PDB file of N, CA and C in Angstrom:
ATOM      1  N   MET A   1      54.230  39.920 115.933  1.00  0.00           N
ATOM      2  CA  MET A   1      53.617  40.024 114.721  1.00  0.00           C
ATOM      3  C   MET A   1      52.651  40.989 114.594  1.00  0.00           C
ATOM      4  N   ASP A   2      52.467  41.834 113.699  1.00  0.00           N
ATOM      5  CA  ASP A   2      51.455  42.720 113.849  1.00  0.00           C
ATOM      6  C   ASP A   2      51.190  43.302 112.453  1.00  0.00           C
ATOM      7  N   ASP A   3      49.938  43.603 112.203  1.00  0.00           N
ATOM      8  CA  ASP A   3      49.420  44.164 110.988  1.00  0.00           C
ATOM      9  C   ASP A   3      49.646  43.555 109.695  1.00  0.00           C
ATOM     10  N   LEU A   4      49.338  42.263 109.507  1.00  0.00           N
ATOM     11  CA  LEU A   4      49.589  41.446 108.500  1.00  0.00           C
ATOM     12  C   LEU A   4      48.595  41.562 107.622  1.00  0.00           C
ATOM     13  N   LYS A   5      49.100  41.549 106.067  1.00  0.00           N
ATOM     14  CA  LYS A   5      47.972  41.686 104.941  1.00  0.00           C
ATOM     15  C   LYS A   5      48.074  40.313 104.320  1.00  0.00           C
ATOM     16  N   ILE A   6      47.330  39.399 104.243  1.00  0.00           N
ATOM     17  CA  ILE A   6      47.368  38.070 103.685  1.00  0.00           C
ATOM     18  C   ILE A   6      46.481  37.942 102.521  1.00  0.00           C
ATOM     19  N   SER A   7      46.886  37.816 101.462  1.00  0.00           N
ATOM     20  CA  SER A   7      45.762  37.442 100.319  1.00  0.00           C
ATOM     21  C   SER A   7      46.310  36.231  99.546  1.00  0.00           C
ATOM     22  N   HIS A   8      45.447  35.567  98.815  1.00  0.00           N
ATOM     23  CA  HIS A   8      45.742  34.624  97.941  1.00  0.00           C
ATOM     24  C   HIS A   8      44.592  34.222  97.166  1.00  0.00           C
ATOM     25  N   ILE A   9      44.686  33.845  96.047  1.00  0.00           N
ATOM     26  CA  ILE A   9      43.556  33.266  95.089  1.00  0.00           C
ATOM     27  C   ILE A   9      42.492  32.400  95.574  1.00  0.00           C
ATOM     28  N   ASN A  10      43.406  31.391  96.496  1.00  0.00           N
ATOM     29  CA  ASN A  10      42.317  30.389  97.248  1.00  0.00           C
ATOM     30  C   ASN A  10      42.199  30.663  98.504  1.00  0.00           C
ATOM     31  N   LYS A  11      41.184  31.009  98.812  1.00  0.00           N
ATOM     32  CA  LYS A  11      40.653  31.437 100.331  1.00  0.00           C
ATOM     33  C   LYS A  11      41.173  30.255 101.376  1.00  0.00           C
ATOM     34  N   ASN A  12      41.150  29.146 100.949  1.00  0.00           N
ATOM     35  CA  ASN A  12      41.454  27.912 101.876  1.00  0.00           C
ATOM     36  C   ASN A  12      42.963  28.228 102.303  1.00  0.00           C
ATOM     37  N   VAL A  13      43.878  28.705 101.313  1.00  0.00           N
ATOM     38  CA  VAL A  13      45.130  29.102 101.853  1.00  0.00           C
ATOM     39  C   VAL A  13      45.202  30.094 102.838  1.00  0.00           C
ATOM     40  N   VAL A  14      44.354  31.080 102.803  1.00  0.00           N
ATOM     41  CA  VAL A  14      44.403  32.179 103.688  1.00  0.00           C
ATOM     42  C   VAL A  14      43.746  31.777 105.015  1.00  0.00           C
ATOM     43  N   GLU A  15      42.838  31.009 105.101  1.00  0.00           N
ATOM     44  CA  GLU A  15      42.105  30.330 106.220  1.00  0.00           C
ATOM     45  C   GLU A  15      43.344  29.551 107.095  1.00  0.00           C
ATOM     46  N   ASP A  16      44.129  28.754 106.289  1.00  0.00           N
ATOM     47  CA  ASP A  16      44.900  27.883 107.086  1.00  0.00           C
ATOM     48  C   ASP A  16      45.877  28.395 107.554  1.00  0.00           C
ATOM     49  N   ILE A  17      46.451  29.889 106.879  1.00  0.00           N
ATOM     50  CA  ILE A  17      47.431  30.759 107.553  1.00  0.00           C
ATOM     51  C   ILE A  17      46.915  31.435 108.780  1.00  0.00           C
ATOM     52  N   ILE A  18      45.792  31.932 108.603  1.00  0.00           N
ATOM     53  CA  ILE A  18      45.181  32.235 109.803  1.00  0.00           C
ATOM     54  C   ILE A  18      44.815  31.506 111.085  1.00  0.00           C
ATOM     55  N   ARG A  19      44.565  30.210 110.538  1.00  0.00           N
ATOM     56  CA  ARG A  19      44.458  29.123 111.735  1.00  0.00           C
ATOM     57  C   ARG A  19      45.703  28.675 112.473  1.00  0.00           C
ATOM     58  N   LEU A  20      46.880  28.717 111.524  1.00  0.00           N
ATOM     59  CA  LEU A  20      48.179  28.586 111.942  1.00  0.00           C
ATOM     60  C   LEU A  20      48.730  29.785 112.621  1.00  0.00           C
ATOM     61  N   LEU A  21      48.566  31.152 112.533  1.00  0.00           N
ATOM     62  CA  LEU A  21      48.818  32.075 113.178  1.00  0.00           C
ATOM     63  C   LEU A  21      48.194  32.246 114.499  1.00  0.00           C
ATOM     64  N   SER A  22      46.827  31.807 114.662  1.00  0.00           N
ATOM     65  CA  SER A  22      45.961  31.848 115.488  1.00  0.00           C
ATOM     66  C   SER A  22      46.335  31.090 116.552  1.00  0.00           C
ATOM     67  N   GLU A  23      46.725  29.790 116.205  1.00  0.00           N
ATOM     68  CA  GLU A  23      47.020  28.575 117.202  1.00  0.00           C
ATOM     69  C   GLU A  23      48.349  28.970 117.733  1.00  0.00           C
ATOM     70  N   ARG A  24      49.454  29.606 116.852  1.00  0.00           N
ATOM     71  CA  ARG A  24      50.781  30.098 117.601  1.00  0.00           C
ATOM     72  C   ARG A  24      50.505  31.400 118.322  1.00  0.00           C
ATOM     73  N   PHE A  25      50.044  32.301 117.930  1.00  0.00           N
ATOM     74  CA  PHE A  25      49.911  33.630 118.656  1.00  0.00           C
ATOM     75  C   PHE A  25      48.644  34.134 119.127  1.00  0.00           C
ATOM     76  N   GLY A  26      47.540  33.256 118.944  1.00  0.00           N
ATOM     77  CA  GLY A  26      46.175  33.716 119.244  1.00  0.00           C
ATOM     78  C   GLY A  26      45.889  33.638 120.818  1.00  0.00           C
ATOM     79  N   LYS A  27      46.892  33.048 121.556  1.00  0.00           N
ATOM     80  CA  LYS A  27      46.590  32.699 123.049  1.00  0.00           C
ATOM     81  C   LYS A  27      47.047  34.219 123.888  1.00  0.00           C
ATOM     82  N   GLU A  28      48.132  34.701 123.202  1.00  0.00           N
ATOM     83  CA  GLU A  28      48.615  36.003 123.969  1.00  0.00           C
ATOM     84  C   GLU A  28      47.768  37.138 123.575  1.00  0.00           C
ATOM     85  N   ILE A  29      47.520  37.426 122.319  1.00  0.00           N
ATOM     86  CA  ILE A  29      46.740  38.422 121.893  1.00  0.00           C
ATOM     87  C   ILE A  29      45.464  37.919 120.920  1.00  0.00           C
ATOM     88  N   PRO A  30      44.443  38.041 121.081  1.00  0.00           N
ATOM     89  CA  PRO A  30      43.390  38.028 120.109  1.00  0.00           C
ATOM     90  C   PRO A  30      43.546  38.580 118.940  1.00  0.00           C
ATOM     91  N   HIS A  31      43.355  38.118 117.972  1.00  0.00           N
ATOM     92  CA  HIS A  31      43.660  38.854 116.656  1.00  0.00           C
ATOM     93  C   HIS A  31      42.062  38.905 115.956  1.00  0.00           C
ATOM     94  N   SER A  32      42.236  39.841 114.923  1.00  0.00           N
ATOM     95  CA  SER A  32      40.903  40.400 114.233  1.00  0.00           C
ATOM     96  C   SER A  32      41.387  40.210 112.636  1.00  0.00           C
ATOM     97  N   ASN A  33      40.262  39.784 112.169  1.00  0.00           N
ATOM     98  CA  ASN A  33      40.565  39.871 110.485  1.00  0.00           C
ATOM     99  C   ASN A  33      39.321  40.356 109.930  1.00  0.00           C
ATOM    100  N   ALA A  34      39.639  40.968 108.757  1.00  0.00           N
ATOM    101  CA  ALA A  34      38.551  41.540 107.756  1.00  0.00           C
ATOM    102  C   ALA A  34      38.794  41.064 106.439  1.00  0.00           C
ATOM    103  N   ARG A  35      37.522  40.696 105.925  1.00  0.00           N
ATOM    104  CA  ARG A  35      37.431  40.288 104.407  1.00  0.00           C
ATOM    105  C   ARG A  35      36.501  41.154 103.801  1.00  0.00           C
ATOM    106  N   GLY A  36      36.864  41.176 102.443  1.00  0.00           N
ATOM    107  CA  GLY A  36      35.875  42.087 101.537  1.00  0.00           C
ATOM    108  C   GLY A  36      36.597  42.522 100.369  1.00  0.00           C
ATOM    109  N   LYS A  37      35.622  43.391  99.631  1.00  0.00           N
ATOM    110  CA  LYS A  37      36.269  44.032  98.528  1.00  0.00           C
ATOM    111  C   LYS A  37      36.978  45.406  98.930  1.00  0.00           C
ATOM    112  N   VAL A  38      36.323  46.007  99.925  1.00  0.00           N
ATOM    113  CA  VAL A  38      37.235  47.286 100.616  1.00  0.00           C
ATOM    114  C   VAL A  38      37.534  46.997 102.036  1.00  0.00           C
ATOM    115  N   LEU A  39      38.869  47.225 102.224  1.00  0.00           N
ATOM    116  CA  LEU A  39      39.460  46.944 103.533  1.00  0.00           C
ATOM    117  C   LEU A  39      40.301  48.141 103.972  1.00  0.00           C
ATOM    118  N   GLU A  40      40.234  48.458 105.318  1.00  0.00           N
ATOM    119  CA  GLU A  40      40.794  49.464 105.841  1.00  0.00           C
ATOM    120  C   GLU A  40      42.259  48.722 106.451  1.00  0.00           C
ATOM    121  N   TYR A  41      43.396  49.257 105.865  1.00  0.00           N
ATOM    122  CA  TYR A  41      44.861  48.580 106.429  1.00  0.00           C
ATOM    123  C   TYR A  41      45.674  49.833 106.533  1.00  0.00           C
ATOM    124  N   LEU A  42      46.251  49.917 108.049  1.00  0.00           N
ATOM    125  CA  LEU A  42      47.226  50.901 108.155  1.00  0.00           C
ATOM    126  C   LEU A  42      46.726  52.206 107.627  1.00  0.00           C
ATOM    127  N   VAL A  43      45.682  52.857 107.792  1.00  0.00           N
ATOM    128  CA  VAL A  43      44.874  54.109 107.697  1.00  0.00           C
ATOM    129  C   VAL A  43      44.833  54.078 105.862  1.00  0.00           C
ATOM    130  N   MET A  44      45.170  53.066 105.295  1.00  0.00           N
ATOM    131  CA  MET A  44      44.995  52.958 103.794  1.00  0.00           C
ATOM    132  C   MET A  44      43.475  52.250 103.527  1.00  0.00           C
ATOM    133  N   THR A  45      42.829  52.880 102.576  1.00  0.00           N
ATOM    134  CA  THR A  45      41.645  52.151 102.008  1.00  0.00           C
ATOM    135  C   THR A  45      42.055  51.255 100.893  1.00  0.00           C
ATOM    136  N   LEU A  46      41.959  49.949 100.983  1.00  0.00           N
ATOM    137  CA  LEU A  46      42.381  49.165  99.755  1.00  0.00           C
ATOM    138  C   LEU A  46      41.019  48.518  99.098  1.00  0.00           C
ATOM    139  N   ASP A  47      40.824  49.000  97.922  1.00  0.00           N
ATOM    140  CA  ASP A  47      39.426  48.710  97.104  1.00  0.00           C
ATOM    141  C   ASP A  47      39.804  47.777  96.057  1.00  0.00           C
ATOM    142  N   TYR A  48      39.230  46.670  96.097  1.00  0.00           N
ATOM    143  CA  TYR A  48      39.340  45.438  95.008  1.00  0.00           C
ATOM    144  C   TYR A  48      38.105  45.484  94.443  1.00  0.00           C
ATOM    145  N   MET A  49      37.069  46.348  94.228  1.00  0.00           N
ATOM    146  CA  MET A  49      36.260  46.406  93.463  1.00  0.00           C
ATOM    147  C   MET A  49      35.999  46.032  91.913  1.00  0.00           C
ATOM    148  N   THR A  50      37.206  46.529  91.503  1.00  0.00           N
ATOM    149  CA  THR A  50      37.476  46.430  89.871  1.00  0.00           C
ATOM    150  C   THR A  50      38.314  45.086  89.819  1.00  0.00           C
ATOM    151  N   LYS A  51      37.721  44.137  89.196  1.00  0.00           N
ATOM    152  CA  LYS A  51      38.454  42.883  89.035  1.00  0.00           C
ATOM    153  C   LYS A  51      39.953  42.875  88.410  1.00  0.00           C
ATOM    154  N   GLY A  52      40.807  42.463  88.933  1.00  0.00           N
ATOM    155  CA  GLY A  52      42.204  42.408  88.588  1.00  0.00           C
ATOM    156  C   GLY A  52      42.950  43.858  88.918  1.00  0.00           C
ATOM    157  N   LYS A  53      42.323  44.625  89.768  1.00  0.00           N
ATOM    158  CA  LYS A  53      42.889  45.878  90.030  1.00  0.00           C
ATOM    159  C   LYS A  53      42.764  46.188  91.531  1.00  0.00           C
ATOM    160  N   MET A  54      43.693  46.863  92.300  1.00  0.00           N
ATOM    161  CA  MET A  54      43.414  47.482  93.574  1.00  0.00           C
ATOM    162  C   MET A  54      43.681  48.841  93.574  1.00  0.00           C
ATOM    163  N   LYS A  55      42.817  49.636  94.198  1.00  0.00           N
ATOM    164  CA  LYS A  55      43.080  51.008  94.271  1.00  0.00           C
ATOM    165  C   LYS A  55      43.416  51.171  95.777  1.00  0.00           C
ATOM    166  N   ILE A  56      44.218  52.017  95.947  1.00  0.00           N
ATOM    167  CA  ILE A  56      44.699  52.399  97.227  1.00  0.00           C
ATOM    168  C   ILE A  56      44.519  53.697  97.760  1.00  0.00           C
ATOM    169  N   SER A  57      43.888  54.284  98.716  1.00  0.00           N
ATOM    170  CA  SER A  57      43.788  55.689  98.865  1.00  0.00           C
ATOM    171  C   SER A  57      44.113  55.939 100.512  1.00  0.00           C
ATOM    172  N   MET A  58      44.238  57.164 100.898  1.00  0.00           N
ATOM    173  CA  MET A  58      44.192  57.551 102.149  1.00  0.00           C
ATOM    174  C   MET A  58      43.606  59.100 102.356  1.00  0.00           C
ATOM    175  N   TYR A  59      42.367  59.168 101.893  1.00  0.00           N
ATOM    176  CA  TYR A  59      41.657  60.429 101.935  1.00  0.00           C
ATOM    177  C   TYR A  59      41.281  60.569 103.463  1.00  0.00           C
ATOM    178  N   GLU A  60      40.929  59.730 104.215  1.00  0.00           N
ATOM    179  CA  GLU A  60      40.411  59.908 105.485  1.00  0.00           C
ATOM    180  C   GLU A  60      41.558  60.377 106.272  1.00  0.00           C
ATOM    181  N   TYR A  61      42.765  59.741 106.101  1.00  0.00           N
ATOM    182  CA  TYR A  61      43.996  60.166 106.756  1.00  0.00           C
ATOM    183  C   TYR A  61      44.374  61.593 106.435  1.00  0.00           C
ATOM    184  N   ILE A  62      44.344  61.973 104.874  1.00  0.00           N
ATOM    185  CA  ILE A  62      44.649  63.422 104.906  1.00  0.00           C
ATOM    186  C   ILE A  62      43.672  64.358 105.375  1.00  0.00           C
ATOM    187  N   GLU A  63      42.457  64.067 105.416  1.00  0.00           N
ATOM    188  CA  GLU A  63      41.353  64.973 106.072  1.00  0.00           C
ATOM    189  C   GLU A  63      41.661  65.111 107.580  1.00  0.00           C
ATOM    190  N   LYS A  64      41.868  64.136 108.140  1.00  0.00           N
ATOM    191  CA  LYS A  64      42.247  64.162 109.589  1.00  0.00           C
ATOM    192  C   LYS A  64      43.639  64.955 109.735  1.00  0.00           C
ATOM    193  N   LEU A  65      44.547  64.586 109.010  1.00  0.00           N
ATOM    194  CA  LEU A  65      45.600  65.774 108.965  1.00  0.00           C
ATOM    195  C   LEU A  65      45.560  67.277 108.960  1.00  0.00           C
ATOM    196  N   LEU A  66      44.648  67.368 107.903  1.00  0.00           N
ATOM    197  CA  LEU A  66      44.429  68.928 107.795  1.00  0.00           C
ATOM    198  C   LEU A  66      43.802  69.367 108.778  1.00  0.00           C
ATOM    199  N   THR A  67      43.004  68.420 109.496  1.00  0.00           N
ATOM    200  CA  THR A  67      42.256  69.130 110.598  1.00  0.00           C
ATOM    201  C   THR A  67      43.193  69.471 111.934  1.00  0.00           C
ATOM    202  N   GLU A  68      44.102  68.756 112.001  1.00  0.00           N
ATOM    203  CA  GLU A  68      45.134  68.868 113.077  1.00  0.00           C
ATOM    204  C   GLU A  68      46.028  69.977 112.809  1.00  0.00           C
ATOM    205  N   LEU A  69      46.104  70.538 111.733  1.00  0.00           N
ATOM    206  CA  LEU A  69      47.030  71.561 111.168  1.00  0.00           C
ATOM    207  C   LEU A  69      46.397  73.150 112.032  1.00  0.00           C
ATOM    208  N   PRO A  70      47.544  73.733 112.642  1.00  0.00           N
ATOM    209  CA  PRO A  70      47.180  75.016 113.507  1.00  0.00           C
ATOM    210  C   PRO A  70      46.365  76.007 112.327  1.00  0.00           C
ATOM    211  N   SER A  71      45.328  76.752 112.818  1.00  0.00           N
ATOM    212  CA  SER A  71      44.870  77.853 112.111  1.00  0.00           C
ATOM    213  C   SER A  71      45.633  78.794 111.434  1.00  0.00           C
ATOM    214  N   ASP A  72      46.645  78.966 112.001  1.00  0.00           N
ATOM    215  CA  ASP A  72      47.434  80.002 111.636  1.00  0.00           C
ATOM    216  C   ASP A  72      48.509  79.819 110.590  1.00  0.00           C
ATOM    217  N   ILE A  73      48.423  78.778 110.052  1.00  0.00           N
ATOM    218  CA  ILE A  73      49.072  78.202 108.818  1.00  0.00           C
ATOM    219  C   ILE A  73      48.483  78.761 107.561  1.00  0.00           C
ATOM    220  N   ASN A  74      49.202  79.505 106.703  1.00  0.00           N
ATOM    221  CA  ASN A  74      48.458  80.032 105.565  1.00  0.00           C
ATOM    222  C   ASN A  74      49.699  80.631 104.584  1.00  0.00           C
ATOM    223  N   GLY A  75      49.416  80.800 103.427  1.00  0.00           N
ATOM    224  CA  GLY A  75      50.348  81.465 102.530  1.00  0.00           C
ATOM    225  C   GLY A  75      50.538  80.422 101.219  1.00  0.00           C
ATOM    226  N   LEU A  76      50.894  81.070 100.231  1.00  0.00           N
ATOM    227  CA  LEU A  76      51.188  80.288  98.962  1.00  0.00           C
ATOM    228  C   LEU A  76      52.742  80.362  98.500  1.00  0.00           C
ATOM    229  N   VAL A  77      53.189  79.231  98.114  1.00  0.00           N
ATOM    230  CA  VAL A  77      54.491  79.218  97.540  1.00  0.00           C
ATOM    231  C   VAL A  77      54.502  78.551  96.315  1.00  0.00           C
ATOM    232  N   LYS A  78      55.684  78.763  95.625  1.00  0.00           N
ATOM    233  CA  LYS A  78      55.783  78.070  94.204  1.00  0.00           C
ATOM    234  C   LYS A  78      56.207  76.592  94.226  1.00  0.00           C
ATOM    235  N   THR A  79      57.229  76.610  95.344  1.00  0.00           N
ATOM    236  CA  THR A  79      57.873  75.243  95.549  1.00  0.00           C
ATOM    237  C   THR A  79      58.251  75.330  97.004  1.00  0.00           C
ATOM    238  N   PRO A  80      58.319  73.942  97.937  1.00  0.00           N
ATOM    239  CA  PRO A  80      58.656  74.164  99.138  1.00  0.00           C
ATOM    240  C   PRO A  80      60.023  74.221  99.377  1.00  0.00           C
ATOM    241  N   ALA A  81      60.945  74.417  98.218  1.00  0.00           N
ATOM    242  CA  ALA A  81      62.589  74.451  98.586  1.00  0.00           C
ATOM    243  C   ALA A  81      62.899  75.863  98.344  1.00  0.00           C
ATOM    244  N   ALA A  82      62.726  76.725  99.216  1.00  0.00           N
ATOM    245  CA  ALA A  82      63.000  78.107  99.050  1.00  0.00           C
ATOM    246  C   ALA A  82      64.813  78.047  98.920  1.00  0.00           C
ATOM    247  N   SER A  83      65.033  79.293  98.253  1.00  0.00           N
ATOM    248  CA  SER A  83      66.652  79.439  98.097  1.00  0.00           C
ATOM    249  C   SER A  83      67.237  79.777  99.492  1.00  0.00           C
ATOM    250  N   HIS A  84      66.570  80.095 100.713  1.00  0.00           N
ATOM    251  CA  HIS A  84      67.316  80.076 101.932  1.00  0.00           C
ATOM    252  C   HIS A  84      67.027  78.804 102.719  1.00  0.00           C
ATOM    253  N   LEU A  85      66.459  77.753 102.224  1.00  0.00           N
ATOM    254  CA  LEU A  85      66.348  76.632 102.908  1.00  0.00           C
ATOM    255  C   LEU A  85      67.113  75.955 103.821  1.00  0.00           C
ATOM    256  N   PHE A  86      68.575  76.175 103.399  1.00  0.00           N
ATOM    257  CA  PHE A  86      69.559  75.563 104.406  1.00  0.00           C
ATOM    258  C   PHE A  86      70.362  76.585 105.030  1.00  0.00           C
ATOM    259  N   ASN A  87      70.073  77.871 104.941  1.00  0.00           N
ATOM    260  CA  ASN A  87      70.643  79.041 105.860  1.00  0.00           C
ATOM    261  C   ASN A  87      70.088  78.960 107.174  1.00  0.00           C
ATOM    262  N   VAL A  88      71.021  78.767 108.038  1.00  0.00           N
ATOM    263  CA  VAL A  88      70.508  78.992 109.385  1.00  0.00           C
ATOM    264  C   VAL A  88      70.660  80.392 110.042  1.00  0.00           C
ATOM    265  N   ASN A  89      69.352  80.875 110.537  1.00  0.00           N
ATOM    266  CA  ASN A  89      69.235  82.231 110.972  1.00  0.00           C
ATOM    267  C   ASN A  89      69.500  81.912 112.907  1.00  0.00           C
ATOM    268  N   LYS A  90      70.569  82.181 113.302  1.00  0.00           N
ATOM    269  CA  LYS A  90      71.115  82.015 114.583  1.00  0.00           C
ATOM    270  C   LYS A  90      70.170  83.057 115.725  1.00  0.00           C
ATOM    271  N   ASP A  91      69.662  84.171 115.226  1.00  0.00           N
ATOM    272  CA  ASP A  91      69.038  84.838 115.781  1.00  0.00           C
ATOM    273  C   ASP A  91      67.404  84.544 116.193  1.00  0.00           C
ATOM    274  N   MET A  92      67.035  83.566 115.248  1.00  0.00           N
ATOM    275  CA  MET A  92      65.570  83.161 115.507  1.00  0.00           C
ATOM    276  C   MET A  92      65.302  82.502 116.805  1.00  0.00           C
ATOM    277  N   THR A  93      64.124  82.555 117.488  1.00  0.00           N
ATOM    278  CA  THR A  93      63.924  81.747 118.814  1.00  0.00           C
ATOM    279  C   THR A  93      63.405  80.693 118.239  1.00  0.00           C
ATOM    280  N   LYS A  94      63.550  79.509 119.110  1.00  0.00           N
ATOM    281  CA  LYS A  94      63.000  78.238 118.896  1.00  0.00           C
ATOM    282  C   LYS A  94      61.573  78.047 119.107  1.00  0.00           C
ATOM    283  N   LEU A  95      60.957  77.284 118.309  1.00  0.00           N
ATOM    284  CA  LEU A  95      59.516  77.103 118.562  1.00  0.00           C
ATOM    285  C   LEU A  95      59.251  76.623 120.055  1.00  0.00           C
ATOM    286  N   PRO A  96      58.077  77.025 120.885  1.00  0.00           N
ATOM    287  CA  PRO A  96      57.761  76.360 121.848  1.00  0.00           C
ATOM    288  C   PRO A  96      57.638  74.746 121.953  1.00  0.00           C
ATOM    289  N   ASP A  97      57.676  74.205 122.921  1.00  0.00           N
ATOM    290  CA  ASP A  97      57.731  72.916 122.734  1.00  0.00           C
ATOM    291  C   ASP A  97      56.690  72.221 122.349  1.00  0.00           C
ATOM    292  N   LYS A  98      55.474  72.731 122.582  1.00  0.00           N
ATOM    293  CA  LYS A  98      54.201  72.391 122.259  1.00  0.00           C
ATOM    294  C   LYS A  98      54.359  72.299 120.576  1.00  0.00           C
ATOM    295  N   SER A  99      54.694  73.543 120.065  1.00  0.00           N
ATOM    296  CA  SER A  99      54.405  73.829 118.834  1.00  0.00           C
ATOM    297  C   SER A  99      55.568  72.982 118.016  1.00  0.00           C
ATOM    298  N   ALA A 100      56.740  72.791 118.685  1.00  0.00           N
ATOM    299  CA  ALA A 100      57.749  71.990 117.965  1.00  0.00           C
ATOM    300  C   ALA A 100      57.347  70.395 117.894  1.00  0.00           C
ATOM    301  N   GLN A 101      56.540  69.868 118.882  1.00  0.00           N
ATOM    302  CA  GLN A 101      56.101  68.614 118.891  1.00  0.00           C
ATOM    303  C   GLN A 101      55.021  68.314 117.696  1.00  0.00           C
ATOM    304  N   LEU A 102      54.176  69.518 117.734  1.00  0.00           N
ATOM    305  CA  LEU A 102      53.185  69.301 116.644  1.00  0.00           C
ATOM    306  C   LEU A 102      53.747  69.276 115.269  1.00  0.00           C
ATOM    307  N   PHE A 103      54.781  70.067 115.148  1.00  0.00           N
ATOM    308  CA  PHE A 103      55.415  70.268 113.800  1.00  0.00           C
ATOM    309  C   PHE A 103      55.923  68.854 113.504  1.00  0.00           C
ATOM    310  N   GLN A 104      56.748  68.312 114.483  1.00  0.00           N
ATOM    311  CA  GLN A 104      57.498  67.012 114.309  1.00  0.00           C
ATOM    312  C   GLN A 104      56.488  65.793 114.081  1.00  0.00           C
ATOM    313  N   GLN A 105      55.142  65.955 114.917  1.00  0.00           N
ATOM    314  CA  GLN A 105      54.301  65.006 114.534  1.00  0.00           C
ATOM    315  C   GLN A 105      53.642  65.111 113.071  1.00  0.00           C
ATOM    316  N   LEU A 106      53.424  66.175 112.692  1.00  0.00           N
ATOM    317  CA  LEU A 106      52.882  66.537 111.250  1.00  0.00           C
ATOM    318  C   LEU A 106      53.827  66.240 110.124  1.00  0.00           C
ATOM    319  N   VAL A 107      55.086  66.363 110.397  1.00  0.00           N
ATOM    320  CA  VAL A 107      56.305  65.834 109.431  1.00  0.00           C
ATOM    321  C   VAL A 107      55.957  64.531 109.426  1.00  0.00           C
ATOM    322  N   TYR A 108      56.202  63.799 110.243  1.00  0.00           N
ATOM    323  CA  TYR A 108      56.300  62.343 110.514  1.00  0.00           C
ATOM    324  C   TYR A 108      54.924  61.624 109.652  1.00  0.00           C
ATOM    325  N   LYS A 109      53.805  62.330 110.133  1.00  0.00           N
ATOM    326  CA  LYS A 109      52.434  61.922 109.247  1.00  0.00           C
ATOM    327  C   LYS A 109      52.544  62.212 107.814  1.00  0.00           C
ATOM    328  N   LEU A 110      53.056  63.359 107.373  1.00  0.00           N
ATOM    329  CA  LEU A 110      53.442  63.642 106.065  1.00  0.00           C
ATOM    330  C   LEU A 110      54.285  62.518 105.121  1.00  0.00           C
ATOM    331  N   LEU A 111      55.513  62.244 106.050  1.00  0.00           N
ATOM    332  CA  LEU A 111      56.243  61.343 105.514  1.00  0.00           C
ATOM    333  C   LEU A 111      55.698  59.972 105.067  1.00  0.00           C
ATOM    334  N   TYR A 112      54.704  59.442 106.230  1.00  0.00           N
ATOM    335  CA  TYR A 112      54.040  58.344 106.202  1.00  0.00           C
ATOM    336  C   TYR A 112      53.179  58.302 105.050  1.00  0.00           C
ATOM    337  N   LEU A 113      52.549  59.573 104.520  1.00  0.00           N
ATOM    338  CA  LEU A 113      51.599  59.748 103.785  1.00  0.00           C
ATOM    339  C   LEU A 113      52.331  59.623 102.322  1.00  0.00           C
ATOM    340  N   SER A 114      53.592  60.060 102.077  1.00  0.00           N
ATOM    341  CA  SER A 114      54.122  60.081 100.825  1.00  0.00           C
ATOM    342  C   SER A 114      54.748  58.540 100.701  1.00  0.00           C
TER     343      SER A 114
END
């Protein structure tokens, strides 16, 4: 069990669930919990400041992701789907392992963001 988000209109229900989970799983791994109008959850900011609404943002995640990009990435395109997207150029050299790994990590992070 990992990364739970528990909400209920009655805070006693939440307290009971936390108590039950702590009794069952708290001995192996201590848990932490947070309460409030603005929470961090799985790199998302959950903002409950407006009654009856929740805003979800990932601005800090995006900023961190942008700082991880190599400095030599530049250019402008009208669409990410170029006409040659599915054409394989067999004469091209593969990315070095370190660059390939960075590319893969960034793609995974962008997928999570989406």
